[in-house]
Structures are given as C-alpha cells and as structure tokens.
C-alpha atoms as a PDB file:
ATOM      1  CA  MET A   1     -54.746   4.360 -32.156  1.00  0.00           C
ATOM      2  CA  GLN A   2     -56.624   1.536 -33.798  1.00  0.00           C
ATOM      3  CA  ILE A   3     -60.393   1.494 -33.547  1.00  0.00           C
ATOM      4  CA  ALA A   4     -63.253  -0.554 -34.866  1.00  0.00           C
ATOM      5  CA  SER A   5     -62.939  -1.517 -38.515  1.00  0.00           C
ATOM      6  CA  TYR A   6     -66.201   0.144 -39.509  1.00  0.00           C
ATOM      7  CA  ARG A   7     -64.563   3.556 -39.052  1.00  0.00           C
ATOM      8  CA  ARG A   8     -62.829   4.905 -42.104  1.00  0.00           C
ATOM      9  CA  GLU A   9     -60.119   6.898 -40.387  1.00  0.00           C
ATOM     10  CA  PRO A  10     -57.794   5.982 -37.555  1.00  0.00           C
ATOM     11  CA  GLY A  11     -58.533   7.123 -34.021  1.00  0.00           C
ATOM     12  CA  ARG A  12     -56.521   9.909 -32.485  1.00  0.00           C
ATOM     13  CA  LEU A  13     -54.850   9.803 -29.140  1.00  0.00           C
ATOM     14  CA  PRO A  14     -53.329  12.912 -27.537  1.00  0.00           C
ATOM     15  CA  LEU A  15     -49.517  12.605 -27.420  1.00  0.00           C
ATOM     16  CA  CYS A  16     -49.403  13.041 -23.633  1.00  0.00           C
ATOM     17  CA  ILE A  17     -51.657   9.980 -23.236  1.00  0.00           C
ATOM     18  CA  ALA A  18     -49.777   7.949 -25.840  1.00  0.00           C
ATOM     19  CA  GLU A  19     -46.514   8.706 -24.046  1.00  0.00           C
ATOM     20  CA  LYS A  20     -47.930   7.391 -20.760  1.00  0.00           C
ATOM     21  CA  ALA A  21     -49.139   4.215 -22.420  1.00  0.00           C
ATOM     22  CA  TYR A  22     -45.752   3.844 -24.187  1.00  0.00           C
ATOM     23  CA  GLU A  23     -43.945   4.158 -20.833  1.00  0.00           C
ATOM     24  CA  VAL A  24     -45.612   0.962 -19.687  1.00  0.00           C
ATOM     25  CA  TYR A  25     -45.337  -0.753 -23.086  1.00  0.00           C
ATOM     26  CA  SER A  26     -41.619  -0.090 -23.281  1.00  0.00           C
ATOM     27  CA  ALA A  27     -41.035  -1.188 -19.678  1.00  0.00           C
ATOM     28  CA  LEU A  28     -42.635  -4.533 -20.528  1.00  0.00           C
ATOM     29  CA  HIS A  29     -41.520  -5.023 -24.140  1.00  0.00           C
ATOM     30  CA  GLY A  30     -38.372  -2.929 -24.501  1.00  0.00           C
ATOM     31  CA  ASP A  31     -37.875   0.233 -26.532  1.00  0.00           C
ATOM     32  CA  ARG A  32     -36.680  -1.327 -29.808  1.00  0.00           C
ATOM     33  CA  GLN A  33     -39.834   0.081 -31.389  1.00  0.00           C
ATOM     34  CA  SER A  34     -40.260   3.821 -30.709  1.00  0.00           C
ATOM     35  CA  LEU A  35     -43.576   5.473 -30.054  1.00  0.00           C
ATOM     36  CA  SER A  36     -43.249   7.152 -33.445  1.00  0.00           C
ATOM     37  CA  ARG A  37     -42.742   3.784 -35.178  1.00  0.00           C
ATOM     38  CA  LEU A  38     -45.682   2.271 -33.340  1.00  0.00           C
ATOM     39  CA  GLY A  39     -47.796   5.146 -34.631  1.00  0.00           C
ATOM     40  CA  GLU A  40     -46.650   4.480 -38.192  1.00  0.00           C
ATOM     41  CA  ARG A  41     -47.735   0.857 -37.807  1.00  0.00           C
ATOM     42  CA  GLY A  42     -51.234   1.829 -36.609  1.00  0.00           C
ATOM     43  CA  GLY A  43     -50.639   2.604 -32.967  1.00  0.00           C
ATOM     44  CA  PHE A  44     -51.972   0.936 -29.873  1.00  0.00           C
ATOM     45  CA  SER A  45     -55.422  -0.665 -29.921  1.00  0.00           C
ATOM     46  CA  ALA A  46     -57.992   0.864 -27.615  1.00  0.00           C
ATOM     47  CA  GLY A  47     -57.651  -2.187 -25.360  1.00  0.00           C
ATOM     48  CA  GLU A  48     -53.892  -1.713 -25.154  1.00  0.00           C
ATOM     49  CA  VAL A  49     -54.242   1.911 -24.168  1.00  0.00           C
ATOM     50  CA  ILE A  50     -56.746   0.965 -21.478  1.00  0.00           C
ATOM     51  CA  ALA A  51     -54.512  -1.813 -20.134  1.00  0.00           C
ATOM     52  CA  PHE A  52     -51.308   0.229 -20.148  1.00  0.00           C
ATOM     53  CA  LEU A  53     -52.950   3.264 -18.494  1.00  0.00           C
ATOM     54  CA  TYR A  54     -54.609   1.040 -15.925  1.00  0.00           C
ATOM     55  CA  ALA A  55     -51.296  -0.603 -15.044  1.00  0.00           C
ATOM     56  CA  ARG A  56     -49.503   2.740 -14.854  1.00  0.00           C
ATOM     57  CA  GLN A  57     -51.363   3.778 -11.726  1.00  0.00           C
ATOM     58  CA  PHE A  58     -49.687   0.936  -9.793  1.00  0.00           C
ATOM     59  CA  PRO A  59     -46.024   0.646  -8.748  1.00  0.00           C
ATOM     60  CA  ARG A  60     -43.754  -0.243 -11.663  1.00  0.00           C
ATOM     61  CA  PRO A  61     -42.947  -3.803 -10.400  1.00  0.00           C
ATOM     62  CA  GLN A  62     -46.680  -4.579 -10.761  1.00  0.00           C
ATOM     63  CA  TRP A  63     -47.139  -3.339 -14.304  1.00  0.00           C
ATOM     64  CA  SER A  64     -46.862  -6.676 -16.056  1.00  0.00           C
ATOM     65  CA  ASP A  65     -49.367  -8.315 -13.760  1.00  0.00           C
ATOM     66  CA  ARG A  66     -51.738  -5.383 -13.972  1.00  0.00           C
ATOM     67  CA  VAL A  67     -51.624  -5.276 -17.807  1.00  0.00           C
ATOM     68  CA  HIS A  68     -52.458  -8.987 -17.882  1.00  0.00           C
ATOM     69  CA  GLU A  69     -55.193  -8.421 -15.321  1.00  0.00           C
ATOM     70  CA  ALA A  70     -56.723  -5.713 -17.517  1.00  0.00           C
ATOM     71  CA  PHE A  71     -56.647  -7.879 -20.628  1.00  0.00           C
ATOM     72  CA  ARG A  72     -58.242 -10.822 -18.749  1.00  0.00           C
ATOM     73  CA  GLY A  73     -60.972  -8.456 -17.566  1.00  0.00           C
ATOM     74  CA  MET A  74     -61.664  -7.338 -21.132  1.00  0.00           C
ATOM     75  CA  VAL A  75     -62.042 -10.924 -22.353  1.00  0.00           C
ATOM     76  CA  ALA A  76     -64.256 -11.928 -19.438  1.00  0.00           C
ATOM     77  CA  SER A  77     -66.739  -9.102 -19.987  1.00  0.00           C
END
C-alpha cells in the first residue's frame, strides 16, 4: 500500500484486506493486472483501499458509483 511520502518504507496491508479491495478493483478495471503485480508496482493508495472497501459493502451493480462517491467525498473534505 502506498502511504505519505515522508515515510521511508511502504505501508503494509493484510492480504485478506487487499484481496477484498482487489475484488472491487478487478470488477471495475478488469483482471489484466493481478493483485501480485499491483503489489510489485506499489500497491493501492490508502484512498483506493478506502474507496474499494466502502463500495464492497453495497451490491455489486453499485460498486462503480460507490467508488466514485467515495473519491468525491475525499476531495470535498
């Protein structure tokens, strides 16, 4: 997981949480990039994890709208 640049080491996210976030990510963006490959590239940002986990609590057809809702809420704050 990516965290603020003042930290010297990357954040850690338990695999079970990353898999839940990836479930939403792959439903919206496809699975061309595996969870493992995403991890190699730096992982999800904290905001992405929050948005994907927020969306996951809703029915799957709402995931896209809910991810966008979460990101809009982060910018508005």
